[in-house]
Amino acid sequence: MYDRYIEIQTYTQSRNESGEVVRSWTTFCHVYARRDKGFGQETVIAGREIGRDSYTYFCRYYPGITRGMRLVDDDNYDIIDVVETIRGVELKIECINELV
């Protein structure tokens, strides 16, 4: 059952008035999805503790969703893999969220 309404965002670049590159995210689509918890991991890098949560989302097939996009649910998640579990019917979206 798809019980979450999520937003998929795509990365865009533009230039501001002074010519600097401005990074922003724009909405690609909204879909209903189901979320499964993956794993949590904590590491220490350069004396800083960094946590990482992994989630798997399943949603109806929507063409154009790819790695490098961002999924917005209760937080922002980086999409690291997209697989068609059932061709033309369902997508499996692997995401991570780094907590600093």
Protein backbone atom coordinates (compact mmCIF):
# COMPACT_ATOMS: atom_id res chain seq x y z
CA MET A 1 0.00 0.00 0.00
CA TYR A 2 1.37 3.40 -0.99
CA ASP A 3 0.70 5.46 2.14
CA ARG A 4 3.12 8.40 1.75
CA TYR A 5 2.85 11.34 -0.63
CA ILE A 6 6.42 12.19 -1.60
CA GLU A 7 8.09 14.77 -3.80
CA ILE A 8 10.91 14.03 -6.22
CA GLN A 9 13.18 16.97 -6.94
CA THR A 10 15.79 17.55 -9.60
CA TYR A 11 18.97 19.60 -9.25
CA THR A 12 19.23 22.80 -11.24
CA GLN A 13 21.90 25.46 -11.61
CA SER A 14 21.43 29.09 -12.51
CA ARG A 15 23.40 32.29 -12.16
CA ASN A 16 22.49 35.17 -9.91
CA GLU A 17 22.90 38.86 -10.76
CA SER A 18 26.62 38.84 -9.89
CA GLY A 19 27.27 35.79 -12.08
CA GLU A 20 27.71 33.25 -9.27
CA VAL A 21 26.32 29.76 -9.76
CA VAL A 22 23.28 29.15 -7.57
CA ARG A 23 22.32 25.54 -6.80
CA SER A 24 18.65 24.84 -6.26
CA TRP A 25 16.15 22.01 -6.33
CA THR A 26 12.95 22.08 -8.34
CA THR A 27 9.96 19.76 -8.20
CA PHE A 28 10.08 16.94 -10.74
CA CYS A 29 6.94 15.08 -9.61
CA HIS A 30 4.75 14.01 -6.69
CA VAL A 31 3.88 10.33 -6.20
CA TYR A 32 2.40 8.05 -3.57
CA ALA A 33 4.92 5.60 -2.14
CA ARG A 34 5.65 3.01 0.54
CA ARG A 35 8.79 3.36 2.68
CA ASP A 36 10.86 0.52 4.14
CA LYS A 37 13.62 1.25 6.66
CA GLY A 38 17.03 0.13 5.51
CA PHE A 39 19.90 0.53 7.92
CA GLY A 40 21.53 3.15 10.11
CA GLN A 41 25.26 3.66 10.36
CA GLU A 42 27.50 5.95 12.40
CA THR A 43 31.13 6.78 11.66
CA VAL A 44 33.68 9.29 12.88
CA ILE A 45 35.49 11.28 10.20
CA ALA A 46 38.06 13.93 11.18
CA GLY A 47 36.75 13.89 14.72
CA ARG A 48 33.13 14.45 13.67
CA GLU A 49 30.44 11.88 14.20
CA ILE A 50 28.36 11.35 11.07
CA GLY A 51 25.21 9.26 10.90
CA ARG A 52 23.62 7.84 7.78
CA ASP A 53 20.13 6.43 7.39
CA SER A 54 19.11 4.32 4.43
CA TYR A 55 15.53 3.94 3.19
CA THR A 56 13.89 2.09 0.34
CA TYR A 57 10.78 3.54 -1.29
CA PHE A 58 8.41 1.77 -3.67
CA CYS A 59 6.09 3.76 -5.94
CA ARG A 60 4.17 3.43 -9.16
CA TYR A 61 6.36 3.72 -12.24
CA TYR A 62 7.13 7.31 -13.19
CA PRO A 63 9.51 7.84 -16.13
CA GLY A 64 12.59 10.00 -15.61
CA ILE A 65 13.34 9.41 -11.91
CA THR A 66 17.10 8.81 -11.68
CA ARG A 67 20.09 8.75 -9.33
CA GLY A 68 21.22 12.19 -8.31
CA MET A 69 17.69 13.44 -7.73
CA ARG A 70 16.33 14.09 -4.26
CA LEU A 71 13.32 12.59 -2.50
CA VAL A 72 11.42 14.71 0.03
CA ASP A 73 9.32 12.94 2.65
CA ASP A 74 9.75 13.81 6.33
CA ASP A 75 13.30 14.93 5.42
CA ASN A 76 15.48 15.26 2.32
CA TYR A 77 17.00 12.03 0.97
CA ASP A 78 19.58 11.62 -1.80
CA ILE A 79 18.50 9.07 -4.41
CA ILE A 80 21.35 6.61 -4.95
CA ASP A 81 19.61 3.96 -7.07
CA VAL A 82 16.38 3.48 -9.03
CA VAL A 83 15.22 0.05 -10.24
CA GLU A 84 12.08 -0.99 -12.09
CA THR A 85 10.88 -3.90 -9.96
CA ILE A 86 7.96 -4.55 -12.28
CA ARG A 87 8.59 -3.18 -15.76
CA GLY A 88 6.40 -0.15 -16.37
CA VAL A 89 4.49 -0.69 -13.12
CA GLU A 90 6.64 -0.11 -10.02
CA LEU A 91 9.93 1.58 -9.04
CA LYS A 92 12.23 0.79 -6.15
CA ILE A 93 14.08 3.93 -5.02
CA GLU A 94 17.10 3.59 -2.70
CA CYS A 95 17.86 6.72 -0.64
CA ILE A 96 20.29 7.91 2.02
CA ASN A 97 20.18 10.76 4.49
CA GLU A 98 23.40 11.93 6.13
CA LEU A 99 23.04 13.34 9.62
CA VAL A 100 25.91 15.51 10.79
